[in-house]
Structure formats: C-alpha cells, structure tokens
Amino acid sequence: MNLKLPALCTTAALLMGCVTGATQSVRNLIPGQLSADQPILAQVDKTYAPGMLAVGQEQDRYRNQSLGLGLVSHPEAERYINQQLERLKQASGIADLPGQAYLFADTSFGARASPDGNIYIPYVMLQDMGSTDELAALLAHELAHTIRNHNSSDLFVQAQKKAVVAASFLASIKQGDSATVRGSDQKLIENTFTALMVSDGFLSPGWTRRQELEADKLGMDLLIAAGYNSDAMFTLLDKMALWEERNRTAQSQRNALIDQLFMVNDPELEKNALGEMLGGILDRSAVGVGSVVNKLNQNHDSAEKRYDSLLTYVDTHYPAAPTPALEVRNWQAISKARKAEQIWQGLLGVVEARDALAQRKPADAERFMRSAINPHTNNQNFLRQSFYELRAAQGQTGAMQQNLALGLKGAYPSFSLHVESAHLAGESNPATAKRLLATFDQYGRPPTYYHDVIAMAESSELKVDALALVAECTAKYLGEGVSCGDAEAAAKSNLSYGSLLQSLAP
C-alpha cells in the first residue's frame, strides 16, 4: 500500500505541527498577519476570544483525564506550575486568558495546549527541567498558542478529527463476536492500543511550522515581560533535541509492541479466533500501525533551526534584555523531592507492567504493578486503572471492584473507571445507567465513550436517552469513526484500520 501522507509532518508531542495540503495557504491557518518590525506581543489583540473547539475549561480537563493513563495528582507541583502560568498571563496584558496547567501521566516528552487554554505537561518533563525559568519558558510557549488561537486553524480541526478516528478504531474491536474472541483479549487490545496511541501523539495538536516559530517568539516576549531569564527558552530548545531522540527510541519500541500486539506479520494470524477477528480490521499490506504513527511524526523544523530563528528575533527586539539569575531552589524543592521521585517511579512501573501484559507476560506485569505502589501513587488513576485491567484479565472480580473504588477516590478519575464501575453494578440497572449518563455530561461527553453509554442506556430500557445520544453522536461524528451504538450507525461510521489509513491521506 502506498500511503499518501501529509507533505510536512511533525512530532506533535514536541510542540510541532504538520501541513496537509500543498495548495492550502498557510495564511489561512494563522489568525491575523504580523509585522516583523515589532515584538509579537505588541501586536496581538488584548482581549481574548475562545477558539471554535473550546468546550469549557473544566470539561476539557475531564476529557483529558480520560485519555491514556490520565492526569497525575501532585498538588504541590500543580500549584507552583500554575503560579508561573498566572505570572505569564498577567505579564501579557491580555484580559480573560483561560486555562490551567495539569500533569499528564506520560513518559514521552512534549507539552500541549488545548482549545480551552489548558496546558498538559507529561510528568517525565518534571525530571528534566532544571529551573523555574525553564518551566516558565515551556508554559510561555504553550500560552502563546492559546493567545494566537492556533487551535482554531483548519489544520488543527482536521488533526483532531483524525485523532477521533484513531481512538474510535478501538470501538470497532468491541463489536467483534465475543463468542469467538475472549473478552480479556478484546480488553487487552483496547487498553494497550489506547495507551500507545496517546503516547505517540495521536491526541495532541498539530501546529504548522510557522505557528511553532510564532509561539517561540511570542513565548519569548512573555518570558521577558514576566521577568524571567530569557536564556531559559534557548535552554529549552537545546533540550528538545535530546527529547526528540529519546522519543524516537521510545517510539520505535512502541511501534514494535503495536505490531506484535496486532500480529501484523504473524503467519498464524488467520488460524486463531483473535486473528480472525482482527483480519477484517488490519490491512496487512501496510507496514504496521506503529509505522503509520511514525510517519505522521516526521519532517519538522529542528530545534537548531528554531534556535537560530529565535536568536535573530531576540537580537532584533531585545538587544539589551535583562538576564536575572535563574531560579533553581524552589523548583528543585518540588521536582527533585521524594514525592516526585515516588510518583515517577510508580508511573514507570505501570508502563512496564502494561508492556509486559501486552506481551502476555502476566507474572512480570504483576511484579511491575506491585513495585509501582507507594503512598503517593495509591489513588493515582494510572495505577488503579492499570491494576483494574490486570485484575480483569485475571478474572478477579473482587480485586477489580477494589481498584475501581480506590481510583474513583482519586483527584482525577478517568471516565473509563465510571464505565467499568457501571458494568460491574449491573448492565440492566436504570439507576446505574442514569448515574453514568450524568457523569457523561460532567465529563463533556468524550466522543469515544458514546458507544458505552448508549449500550448501558439501551440495556437499562432508557430508550429515549439512548436514541437521543445516537442522534447526537451521529450528527456530530458521522464519518469520523465514532461508534454511535447501533449496528447501522457503526456501519456508517466505517470503523476499520483501512479507513483510519485512508483518513490520514490528504
């Protein structure tokens, strides 16, 4: 298969983007035109208007805490990070800038700004940023994307739709014949594929090169205006080259795991029930799911080019910019504390356990999961969601319920925990279904969960609610790969690996 991929693509997780059409004018993707004669901050509108994809700050956070392994609860770090974000907002002079910063349970490098202005920082980055000024540089860059409303570009809308297709590919697996494929196998595929796709940047924004350079420059304006050391932005760009290399290494490992999980090159594929189910989904003439992700993350401006462009900008507009001393002590008191180390080691243990489970090594998965338990991970979503999945694969109903209860007591429970809790409470319980419907609203109705909520409503005889959700889902997401409950809607959604690949073509 010859895949038609975008002409210019990038690692979204590293704050970069991709252009999908040679005839598409870059000018149309960027809100407003800027002069090179002044700093960008001097030219932007001082009144902020929400972007077209905004759903509300709180609902955006709920949606993101339901992606992958979700959010990490670390109040001291979150409080300190948001203090720096607020300082940058005040320095911008722009009224009503939205958003809060959150920590994402991910071991890949790269922050991202949502359409609602929320900033999601992978927990791994706490380990690598050496000063408050570096943290502020990262936040300033992401805040710049929000100020310029880059999220509203046609490109970003298209990228988000493709993300929905990729995530919703999982829903098609659920509709396989459970009589021929074990439920534990279905769940294993679903959970592993979700985590891998999220960490590969499928659910991150894709900016154009010009938008990235603009965010670098406006971020520098904000950093200087807020009184931070501007050298920190250059330090951040230097580190990006190292982060890119680490991400490439990790991505190669994930690609191999994805291909192994789906048995893309397994000659015995058609001889077992799981392979029979996947055979209609996977297009084995492609080179593997992982390699598709890899191709989507190529061809971006290097950190070196961005460094040079930013250096020219600073020399032009800030030849005498002050360079206050880097603030190190307060930041490292949080980022290097025992609590941060225990959360990080717990997250690493969970990631290793999930990899082991995907490779059908339950004993290793058990060992890694147990090593991840400590006082600071006990109620973390990444731990309890993963423990629940392990216990479900082992058929330990009591332990499944215990882990759900602990996860739901945490600060950022994933919507998947609510779904699984509802399933355990009873598939045909109207009261349970109504609670799930209310929680679905609270979480901003994340697209990939329509199928679960509709199925629960139908089994509980809440026909009116189910039909309303099917209609809403179909109207919003028809053709974008979201499963809307019934067989006809699912067929119209064209859920397949082939349709995913086709959707990636311009």
Protein backbone atom coordinates (compact mmCIF):
# COMPACT_ATOMS: atom_id res chain seq x y z
CA MET A 1 0.00 0.00 0.00
CA ASN A 2 1.32 3.44 -0.88
CA LEU A 3 0.25 5.73 1.93
CA LYS A 4 -0.45 9.33 0.97
CA LEU A 5 0.83 11.19 3.99
CA PRO A 6 0.98 14.92 4.69
CA ALA A 7 3.73 16.81 2.96
CA LEU A 8 5.01 18.36 6.15
CA CYS A 9 4.56 16.42 9.40
CA THR A 10 5.91 16.68 12.90
CA THR A 11 6.07 15.32 16.42
CA ALA A 12 3.05 17.00 17.96
CA ALA A 13 4.18 15.98 21.42
CA LEU A 14 7.27 18.18 20.92
CA LEU A 15 5.27 21.31 20.22
CA MET A 16 5.42 20.98 16.42
CA GLY A 17 2.88 20.63 13.65
CA CYS A 18 2.09 19.36 10.15
CA VAL A 19 0.76 20.82 6.93
CA THR A 20 -1.55 18.56 4.96
CA GLY A 21 -2.17 20.22 1.61
CA ALA A 22 0.28 21.71 -0.83
CA THR A 23 -2.38 24.04 -2.18
CA GLN A 24 -3.58 25.11 1.27
CA SER A 25 -2.43 28.62 2.08
CA VAL A 26 -0.54 28.92 5.32
CA ARG A 27 -2.04 32.38 5.63
CA ASN A 28 -5.47 30.83 6.11
CA LEU A 29 -4.23 28.78 9.05
CA ILE A 30 -2.93 31.67 11.10
CA PRO A 31 -5.21 34.16 12.86
CA GLY A 32 -4.06 37.61 11.73
CA GLN A 33 -0.90 38.76 10.00
CA LEU A 34 2.06 40.10 11.95
CA SER A 35 4.75 42.63 11.21
CA ALA A 36 8.42 41.84 11.76
CA ASP A 37 9.02 45.42 12.89
CA GLN A 38 7.63 44.92 16.41
CA PRO A 39 7.56 42.18 19.03
CA ILE A 40 4.53 39.95 18.54
CA LEU A 41 3.17 40.77 22.00
CA ALA A 42 2.88 44.43 20.97
CA GLN A 43 0.63 43.47 18.05
CA VAL A 44 -1.82 40.94 19.49
CA ASP A 45 -5.38 41.75 20.50
CA LYS A 46 -5.55 42.46 24.23
CA THR A 47 -8.98 40.84 24.56
CA TYR A 48 -9.08 37.07 24.30
CA ALA A 49 -11.86 35.27 22.40
CA PRO A 50 -12.33 31.48 22.89
CA GLY A 51 -11.50 29.22 19.95
CA MET A 52 -14.04 27.31 17.90
CA LEU A 53 -13.18 23.95 19.50
CA ALA A 54 -13.46 25.14 23.09
CA VAL A 55 -15.80 23.06 25.26
CA GLY A 56 -15.10 24.77 28.60
CA GLN A 57 -12.04 24.54 30.84
CA GLU A 58 -13.49 22.03 33.27
CA GLN A 59 -14.97 19.74 30.64
CA ASP A 60 -11.69 19.89 28.71
CA ARG A 61 -9.88 18.75 31.83
CA TYR A 62 -12.38 15.93 32.37
CA ARG A 63 -11.89 14.79 28.77
CA ASN A 64 -8.12 14.82 29.10
CA GLN A 65 -8.12 12.96 32.39
CA SER A 66 -9.93 10.21 30.44
CA LEU A 67 -7.22 9.88 27.78
CA GLY A 68 -4.49 7.27 28.05
CA LEU A 69 -3.42 6.91 31.68
CA GLY A 70 -4.97 10.26 32.57
CA LEU A 71 -3.71 13.03 34.83
CA VAL A 72 -1.32 12.88 37.77
CA SER A 73 -2.29 14.35 41.11
CA HIS A 74 0.67 16.24 42.60
CA PRO A 75 -0.83 19.31 44.34
CA GLU A 76 2.47 20.98 45.27
CA ALA A 77 3.79 20.80 41.71
CA GLU A 78 0.46 21.79 40.17
CA ARG A 79 0.16 24.79 42.48
CA TYR A 80 3.69 26.01 41.71
CA ILE A 81 3.34 25.49 37.96
CA ASN A 82 0.06 27.41 37.89
CA GLN A 83 1.63 30.28 39.84
CA GLN A 84 4.13 30.67 37.00
CA LEU A 85 1.36 30.42 34.41
CA GLU A 86 -0.60 33.16 36.16
CA ARG A 87 2.52 35.36 36.25
CA LEU A 88 2.87 34.97 32.48
CA LYS A 89 -0.82 35.72 31.91
CA GLN A 90 -0.55 38.92 33.94
CA ALA A 91 2.55 39.99 32.02
CA SER A 92 0.73 39.51 28.70
CA GLY A 93 -1.68 42.35 29.38
CA ILE A 94 -4.43 40.28 27.75
CA ALA A 95 -7.74 40.10 29.56
CA ASP A 96 -9.52 36.85 30.41
CA LEU A 97 -6.86 34.39 29.29
CA PRO A 98 -8.21 30.92 30.14
CA GLY A 99 -6.64 27.69 31.23
CA GLN A 100 -4.82 25.83 33.97
CA ALA A 101 -1.76 23.59 33.82
CA TYR A 102 -2.03 19.86 34.57
CA LEU A 103 0.39 16.96 34.73
CA PHE A 104 -0.25 14.11 32.29
CA ALA A 105 0.68 10.50 33.08
CA ASP A 106 3.07 10.01 30.18
CA THR A 107 6.71 9.02 29.78
CA SER A 108 7.08 10.74 26.39
CA PHE A 109 8.34 14.31 26.22
CA GLY A 110 6.14 17.14 24.98
CA ALA A 111 3.56 19.51 26.43
CA ARG A 112 0.39 20.60 24.62
CA ALA A 113 -2.18 23.35 24.84
CA SER A 114 -5.87 22.53 24.41
CA PRO A 115 -8.51 24.67 22.66
CA ASP A 116 -9.65 25.80 26.12
CA GLY A 117 -6.21 27.05 27.09
CA ASN A 118 -5.42 24.20 29.46
CA ILE A 119 -1.80 23.06 29.31
CA TYR A 120 -0.92 19.38 29.76
CA ILE A 121 2.66 18.57 30.75
CA PRO A 122 3.92 14.96 30.73
CA TYR A 123 5.17 14.02 34.17
CA VAL A 124 8.52 12.95 32.72
CA MET A 125 9.33 16.59 31.96
CA LEU A 126 9.43 17.47 35.64
CA GLN A 127 12.56 15.34 35.86
CA ASP A 128 14.35 17.19 33.05
CA MET A 129 13.59 20.88 33.62
CA GLY A 130 16.29 22.38 35.80
CA SER A 131 14.82 25.72 36.85
CA THR A 132 11.64 27.71 37.30
CA ASP A 133 12.71 29.75 34.28
CA GLU A 134 12.77 26.65 32.04
CA LEU A 135 9.32 25.73 33.32
CA ALA A 136 8.14 29.26 32.54
CA ALA A 137 9.63 29.04 29.04
CA LEU A 138 7.62 25.88 28.38
CA LEU A 139 4.44 27.46 29.74
CA ALA A 140 5.05 30.67 27.77
CA HIS A 141 5.32 28.74 24.53
CA GLU A 142 2.06 26.89 25.16
CA LEU A 143 0.32 30.07 26.34
CA ALA A 144 1.41 31.70 23.08
CA HIS A 145 -0.53 29.05 21.13
CA THR A 146 -3.60 29.95 23.18
CA ILE A 147 -3.16 33.71 22.72
CA ARG A 148 -2.84 33.33 18.95
CA ASN A 149 -5.77 30.89 18.86
CA HIS A 150 -3.80 28.42 16.80
CA ASN A 151 -6.28 25.75 17.87
CA SER A 152 -8.94 27.25 15.60
CA SER A 153 -7.00 26.68 12.39
CA ASP A 154 -8.50 24.33 9.81
CA LEU A 155 -5.42 22.16 10.21
CA PHE A 156 -5.98 21.70 13.93
CA VAL A 157 -9.64 20.80 13.39
CA GLN A 158 -8.59 18.19 10.84
CA ALA A 159 -5.91 16.79 13.15
CA GLN A 160 -8.41 16.44 15.98
CA LYS A 161 -10.87 14.61 13.72
CA LYS A 162 -8.15 12.16 12.76
CA ALA A 163 -7.41 11.66 16.43
CA VAL A 164 -11.06 10.74 16.98
CA VAL A 165 -10.85 8.21 14.15
CA ALA A 166 -7.72 6.66 15.66
CA ALA A 167 -9.17 6.45 19.15
CA SER A 168 -12.53 5.21 17.92
CA PHE A 169 -10.89 2.40 15.99
CA LEU A 170 -10.95 0.71 19.39
CA ALA A 171 -14.73 0.77 19.47
CA SER A 172 -14.86 -1.42 16.38
CA ILE A 173 -12.97 -4.13 18.24
CA LYS A 174 -15.68 -4.15 20.89
CA GLN A 175 -18.23 -5.10 18.26
CA GLY A 176 -16.42 -8.35 17.43
CA ASP A 177 -18.07 -11.67 18.17
CA SER A 178 -17.44 -12.18 21.88
CA ALA A 179 -18.31 -15.84 21.46
CA THR A 180 -15.19 -16.43 19.39
CA VAL A 181 -12.84 -13.88 20.97
CA ARG A 182 -12.20 -13.82 24.69
CA GLY A 183 -13.27 -10.66 26.46
CA SER A 184 -9.88 -10.41 28.12
CA ASP A 185 -8.23 -10.35 24.68
CA GLN A 186 -10.57 -7.62 23.48
CA LYS A 187 -9.87 -5.54 26.58
CA LEU A 188 -6.14 -6.08 26.32
CA ILE A 189 -6.09 -4.85 22.73
CA GLU A 190 -8.30 -1.89 23.52
CA ASN A 191 -6.36 -0.69 26.56
CA THR A 192 -2.91 -1.22 25.09
CA PHE A 193 -3.79 0.41 21.78
CA THR A 194 -5.26 3.42 23.59
CA ALA A 195 -2.19 3.99 25.75
CA LEU A 196 0.20 3.58 22.84
CA MET A 197 -1.68 5.87 20.50
CA VAL A 198 -1.99 8.60 23.11
CA SER A 199 1.71 8.46 23.93
CA ASP A 200 2.55 8.57 20.23
CA GLY A 201 0.92 11.97 19.93
CA PHE A 202 -2.28 10.97 18.12
CA LEU A 203 -4.32 13.02 20.55
CA SER A 204 -2.01 16.04 20.56
CA PRO A 205 -2.39 19.15 18.44
CA GLY A 206 -0.54 19.54 15.17
CA TRP A 207 0.84 23.01 14.57
CA THR A 208 2.28 24.38 11.34
CA ARG A 209 5.96 25.29 11.29
CA ARG A 210 5.06 28.95 11.12
CA GLN A 211 2.77 28.62 14.11
CA GLU A 212 5.58 26.98 16.06
CA LEU A 213 8.04 29.75 15.25
CA GLU A 214 5.40 32.30 16.17
CA ALA A 215 4.81 30.58 19.52
CA ASP A 216 8.58 30.55 20.17
CA LYS A 217 8.77 34.30 19.60
CA LEU A 218 5.61 35.27 21.46
CA GLY A 219 6.68 32.91 24.23
CA MET A 220 9.96 34.82 24.45
CA ASP A 221 8.03 38.11 24.64
CA LEU A 222 6.01 36.73 27.56
CA LEU A 223 9.07 35.33 29.31
CA ILE A 224 10.89 38.67 29.20
CA ALA A 225 7.78 40.67 30.11
CA ALA A 226 7.25 38.48 33.19
CA GLY A 227 10.83 38.99 34.37
CA TYR A 228 12.25 35.52 33.78
CA ASN A 229 15.69 34.78 32.39
CA SER A 230 15.28 34.67 28.60
CA ASP A 231 18.20 32.24 28.27
CA ALA A 232 15.82 29.58 29.60
CA MET A 233 13.96 29.49 26.28
CA PHE A 234 17.19 28.66 24.48
CA THR A 235 18.00 26.03 27.10
CA LEU A 236 14.58 24.52 26.47
CA LEU A 237 15.21 24.38 22.72
CA ASP A 238 18.59 22.73 23.34
CA LYS A 239 16.90 20.06 25.43
CA MET A 240 14.29 19.47 22.76
CA ALA A 241 16.91 17.84 20.54
CA LEU A 242 17.63 15.34 23.32
CA TRP A 243 13.91 14.82 23.95
CA GLU A 244 13.35 14.17 20.25
CA GLU A 245 15.98 11.44 20.27
CA ARG A 246 14.54 9.84 23.41
CA ASN A 247 11.07 9.95 21.92
CA ARG A 248 12.29 8.34 18.71
CA THR A 249 13.85 5.50 20.69
CA ALA A 250 10.72 5.02 22.78
CA GLN A 251 8.55 5.25 19.69
CA SER A 252 10.50 2.50 17.94
CA GLN A 253 9.85 0.27 20.93
CA ARG A 254 6.14 1.15 20.93
CA ASN A 255 5.91 0.53 17.20
CA ALA A 256 7.32 -2.96 17.66
CA LEU A 257 4.90 -3.61 20.52
CA ILE A 258 1.91 -2.41 18.49
CA ASP A 259 2.86 -4.62 15.57
CA GLN A 260 3.42 -7.54 17.94
CA LEU A 261 0.10 -6.90 19.65
CA PHE A 262 -1.79 -7.00 16.36
CA MET A 263 0.34 -9.85 15.00
CA VAL A 264 0.75 -7.94 11.73
CA ASN A 265 3.50 -10.24 10.48
CA ASP A 266 2.30 -13.44 12.15
CA PRO A 267 1.81 -16.22 9.55
CA GLU A 268 -0.51 -17.94 12.04
CA LEU A 269 -2.78 -14.88 12.16
CA GLU A 270 -5.66 -16.47 10.29
CA LYS A 271 -5.51 -19.69 12.30
CA ASN A 272 -6.86 -18.37 15.60
CA ALA A 273 -10.05 -16.64 16.69
CA LEU A 274 -8.39 -13.39 17.66
CA GLY A 275 -6.60 -13.23 14.34
CA GLU A 276 -9.84 -13.97 12.52
CA MET A 277 -11.47 -11.01 14.19
CA LEU A 278 -8.55 -8.69 13.51
CA GLY A 279 -8.12 -9.95 9.98
CA GLY A 280 -11.06 -7.88 8.80
CA ILE A 281 -9.68 -4.81 10.53
CA LEU A 282 -5.97 -4.84 9.78
CA ASP A 283 -4.63 -4.18 6.33
CA ARG A 284 -1.53 -6.33 6.37
CA SER A 285 -0.16 -4.77 3.20
CA ALA A 286 0.61 -1.75 5.36
CA VAL A 287 3.84 -1.79 7.31
CA GLY A 288 2.15 -1.72 10.71
CA VAL A 289 0.16 0.61 12.92
CA GLY A 290 3.27 1.89 14.65
CA SER A 291 4.95 2.92 11.43
CA VAL A 292 1.90 4.96 10.44
CA VAL A 293 2.26 6.88 13.68
CA ASN A 294 5.96 7.25 12.99
CA LYS A 295 5.37 8.73 9.53
CA LEU A 296 2.90 11.19 10.99
CA ASN A 297 5.66 12.45 13.30
CA GLN A 298 8.35 13.28 10.74
CA ASN A 299 9.67 16.24 8.75
CA HIS A 300 9.63 19.08 11.25
CA ASP A 301 11.94 22.04 11.80
CA SER A 302 14.83 21.02 14.02
CA ALA A 303 15.45 22.60 17.40
CA GLU A 304 18.62 24.10 15.89
CA LYS A 305 16.65 25.97 13.19
CA ARG A 306 14.17 27.22 15.75
CA TYR A 307 17.05 28.29 17.98
CA ASP A 308 18.60 30.36 15.18
CA SER A 309 15.29 31.97 14.25
CA LEU A 310 14.60 32.91 17.86
CA LEU A 311 18.12 34.26 18.36
CA THR A 312 17.64 36.62 15.41
CA TYR A 313 14.31 37.74 16.89
CA VAL A 314 15.86 38.49 20.29
CA ASP A 315 18.82 40.33 18.76
CA THR A 316 16.36 42.49 16.82
CA HIS A 317 13.85 43.32 19.54
CA TYR A 318 15.65 42.71 22.84
CA PRO A 319 19.34 43.57 22.36
CA ALA A 320 19.64 44.65 26.00
CA ALA A 321 17.21 42.24 27.65
CA PRO A 322 17.99 41.73 31.34
CA THR A 323 19.11 38.27 32.43
CA PRO A 324 18.11 37.80 36.07
CA ALA A 325 19.55 34.84 37.95
CA LEU A 326 17.87 31.53 37.25
CA GLU A 327 15.51 30.40 40.00
CA VAL A 328 16.53 26.85 40.85
CA ARG A 329 15.99 26.18 44.53
CA ASN A 330 12.19 26.49 44.74
CA TRP A 331 11.66 24.42 41.61
CA GLN A 332 14.01 21.63 42.58
CA ALA A 333 12.49 21.51 46.07
CA ILE A 334 9.40 20.20 44.28
CA SER A 335 10.70 18.43 41.17
CA LYS A 336 13.51 16.57 42.97
CA ALA A 337 11.59 15.81 46.16
CA ARG A 338 10.97 12.24 47.30
CA LYS A 339 7.29 12.58 46.44
CA ALA A 340 8.06 13.45 42.81
CA GLU A 341 10.51 10.56 42.61
CA GLN A 342 8.00 8.07 44.00
CA ILE A 343 5.27 9.21 41.61
CA TRP A 344 7.70 8.96 38.71
CA GLN A 345 8.93 5.50 39.68
CA GLY A 346 5.32 4.39 40.11
CA LEU A 347 4.43 5.63 36.64
CA LEU A 348 7.44 3.87 35.15
CA GLY A 349 6.42 0.65 36.89
CA VAL A 350 2.90 0.89 35.48
CA VAL A 351 4.18 1.48 31.94
CA GLU A 352 6.47 -1.55 32.22
CA ALA A 353 3.60 -3.63 33.59
CA ARG A 354 1.31 -2.67 30.72
CA ASP A 355 4.02 -3.57 28.21
CA ALA A 356 4.50 -6.93 29.93
CA LEU A 357 0.76 -7.63 29.90
CA ALA A 358 0.58 -6.75 26.21
CA GLN A 359 3.32 -9.32 25.61
CA ARG A 360 1.31 -11.98 27.50
CA LYS A 361 3.68 -11.96 30.49
CA PRO A 362 1.24 -11.71 33.42
CA ALA A 363 3.81 -12.66 36.08
CA ASP A 364 6.09 -9.82 35.00
CA ALA A 365 3.12 -7.47 34.84
CA GLU A 366 2.16 -8.40 38.40
CA ARG A 367 5.69 -7.75 39.63
CA PHE A 368 5.92 -4.35 37.95
CA MET A 369 2.49 -3.32 39.20
CA ARG A 370 3.31 -4.20 42.78
CA SER A 371 6.55 -2.22 42.54
CA ALA A 372 4.50 0.83 41.48
CA ILE A 373 2.55 1.00 44.76
CA ASN A 374 3.63 3.66 47.25
CA PRO A 375 1.87 6.29 49.40
CA HIS A 376 1.94 8.83 46.57
CA THR A 377 0.55 6.54 43.86
CA ASN A 378 -2.12 4.73 45.84
CA ASN A 379 -5.07 6.71 44.44
CA GLN A 380 -3.49 7.78 41.16
CA ASN A 381 -5.61 6.99 38.12
CA PHE A 382 -2.67 5.50 36.21
CA LEU A 383 -2.13 2.91 38.95
CA ARG A 384 -5.74 1.95 39.68
CA GLN A 385 -6.88 1.91 36.05
CA SER A 386 -3.97 -0.39 35.19
CA PHE A 387 -4.49 -2.60 38.24
CA TYR A 388 -8.16 -2.90 37.32
CA GLU A 389 -7.25 -4.02 33.80
CA LEU A 390 -4.77 -6.57 35.13
CA ARG A 391 -7.30 -7.99 37.60
CA ALA A 392 -9.94 -8.08 34.86
CA ALA A 393 -7.59 -10.12 32.68
CA GLN A 394 -7.14 -12.47 35.65
CA GLY A 395 -10.90 -12.66 36.30
CA GLN A 396 -10.59 -11.40 39.90
CA THR A 397 -13.91 -9.60 40.34
CA GLY A 398 -13.36 -8.61 43.98
CA ALA A 399 -9.98 -7.05 43.25
CA MET A 400 -11.46 -5.31 40.21
CA GLN A 401 -14.06 -3.62 42.41
CA GLN A 402 -11.44 -2.66 44.99
CA ASN A 403 -9.24 -0.95 42.41
CA LEU A 404 -12.18 0.88 40.88
CA ALA A 405 -13.16 2.19 44.30
CA LEU A 406 -9.62 3.42 45.02
CA GLY A 407 -9.30 5.02 41.59
CA LEU A 408 -12.63 6.81 41.87
CA LYS A 409 -11.48 8.33 45.18
CA GLY A 410 -8.52 9.93 43.42
CA ALA A 411 -8.32 13.53 42.23
CA TYR A 412 -8.60 12.74 38.52
CA PRO A 413 -10.52 9.51 37.83
CA SER A 414 -10.86 8.55 34.18
CA PHE A 415 -14.33 8.20 32.72
CA SER A 416 -13.39 4.60 31.92
CA LEU A 417 -13.45 3.87 35.67
CA HIS A 418 -17.04 5.09 35.82
CA VAL A 419 -17.94 2.93 32.81
CA GLU A 420 -16.38 -0.19 34.32
CA SER A 421 -17.99 0.53 37.69
CA ALA A 422 -21.38 0.74 35.98
CA HIS A 423 -20.77 -2.58 34.22
CA LEU A 424 -19.94 -4.29 37.49
CA ALA A 425 -23.03 -2.79 39.13
CA GLY A 426 -25.28 -4.38 36.51
CA GLU A 427 -25.86 -3.97 32.79
CA SER A 428 -29.64 -3.56 33.15
CA ASN A 429 -29.89 -1.22 36.11
CA PRO A 430 -31.75 2.03 35.26
CA ALA A 431 -30.39 3.87 38.32
CA THR A 432 -26.82 2.94 37.39
CA ALA A 433 -27.40 3.95 33.77
CA LYS A 434 -28.80 7.34 34.82
CA ARG A 435 -25.74 7.98 37.02
CA LEU A 436 -23.49 7.10 34.10
CA LEU A 437 -25.43 9.48 31.83
CA ALA A 438 -25.00 12.29 34.36
CA THR A 439 -21.28 11.57 34.65
CA PHE A 440 -21.00 11.51 30.85
CA ASP A 441 -22.38 15.06 30.82
CA GLN A 442 -19.98 16.10 33.57
CA TYR A 443 -17.03 14.78 31.55
CA GLY A 444 -18.01 16.76 28.47
CA ARG A 445 -19.36 13.74 26.56
CA PRO A 446 -15.99 12.46 25.30
CA PRO A 447 -16.61 11.05 21.78
CA THR A 448 -15.04 7.63 22.25
CA TYR A 449 -17.42 6.74 25.10
CA TYR A 450 -20.73 7.26 23.29
CA HIS A 451 -20.84 3.55 22.48
CA ASP A 452 -20.51 2.52 26.14
CA VAL A 453 -23.08 4.99 27.42
CA ILE A 454 -25.59 4.21 24.67
CA ALA A 455 -25.20 0.47 25.27
CA MET A 456 -25.80 0.95 29.00
CA ALA A 457 -28.88 3.10 28.35
CA GLU A 458 -30.32 0.56 25.90
CA SER A 459 -29.76 -2.40 28.23
CA SER A 460 -31.48 -0.46 31.04
CA GLU A 461 -34.54 0.31 28.90
CA LEU A 462 -33.75 4.05 28.79
CA LYS A 463 -34.76 4.09 25.14
CA VAL A 464 -35.38 7.84 24.85
CA ASP A 465 -31.95 8.66 26.26
CA ALA A 466 -30.29 6.07 24.04
CA LEU A 467 -31.97 7.36 20.88
CA ALA A 468 -31.11 10.96 21.75
CA LEU A 469 -27.45 10.04 22.21
CA VAL A 470 -27.37 8.04 18.96
CA ALA A 471 -28.83 11.03 17.11
CA GLU A 472 -26.41 13.47 18.73
CA CYS A 473 -23.40 11.23 18.17
CA THR A 474 -24.30 10.58 14.53
CA ALA A 475 -24.89 14.28 13.85
CA LYS A 476 -21.57 15.30 15.40
CA TYR A 477 -19.27 12.49 14.32
CA LEU A 478 -20.71 10.72 11.26
CA GLY A 479 -17.83 9.76 9.00
CA GLU A 480 -15.23 10.37 11.70
CA GLY A 481 -15.10 6.82 13.02
CA VAL A 482 -17.05 7.26 16.24
CA SER A 483 -19.22 4.29 17.18
CA CYS A 484 -22.70 5.58 17.94
CA GLY A 485 -24.22 2.49 19.46
CA ASP A 486 -26.33 0.59 16.96
CA ALA A 487 -25.08 -1.56 14.10
CA GLU A 488 -26.38 0.75 11.38
CA ALA A 489 -24.63 3.79 12.82
CA ALA A 490 -21.46 1.79 13.33
CA ALA A 491 -21.54 0.67 9.71
CA LYS A 492 -21.98 4.24 8.56
CA SER A 493 -19.00 5.24 10.67
CA ASN A 494 -16.88 2.80 8.61
CA LEU A 495 -14.76 1.70 11.55
CA SER A 496 -11.69 -0.10 10.28
CA TYR A 497 -7.95 0.04 10.17
CA GLY A 498 -8.23 0.67 6.45
CA SER A 499 -10.49 3.67 6.97
CA LEU A 500 -8.04 5.01 9.53
CA LEU A 501 -5.22 4.88 6.99
CA GLN A 502 -7.43 6.40 4.31
CA SER A 503 -8.35 9.25 6.64
CA LEU A 504 -4.67 10.07 7.04
CA ALA A 505 -4.35 10.78 3.31
CA PRO A 506 -4.81 14.40 2.18
